[in-house]
Amino acid sequence: MTTMPTLGATAFKASCLRVLERVRRTGEAVTITRRGKPIARLVAASDEHDRPPQMTLQGTVEVLSDIVGPVTPPSAWDAAVPAPPRPKRHR
């Protein structure tokens, strides 16, 4: 297992554009540290991240029946039963 290069936050700030170009070109991630502790990881962008997350599910769903129609018949709904009359208000 190879270790990914690390760079202190101050050094990253001073050479940000160079580091970005290197990561883009090589695809190798860089860990950015502050006082020796990792605070961020810079990775190359991929085409996969350009797609909406829902697209990762494409081809994984099987439609078994009508997905537009109601699940239960109208007789099962409370709305199918007429509402009782409201009591009259007295003033």
Foldseek 3Di string as FASTA:
>chain_A
DDDAAEEEPVRCVVCVVVVLVVQQVPQGKYFYDHPPHTDDIDGHDDVVVVDPPVCVCPPVDDDDDDPPDDPDDPVPDPVSDDDDDDDDDDD
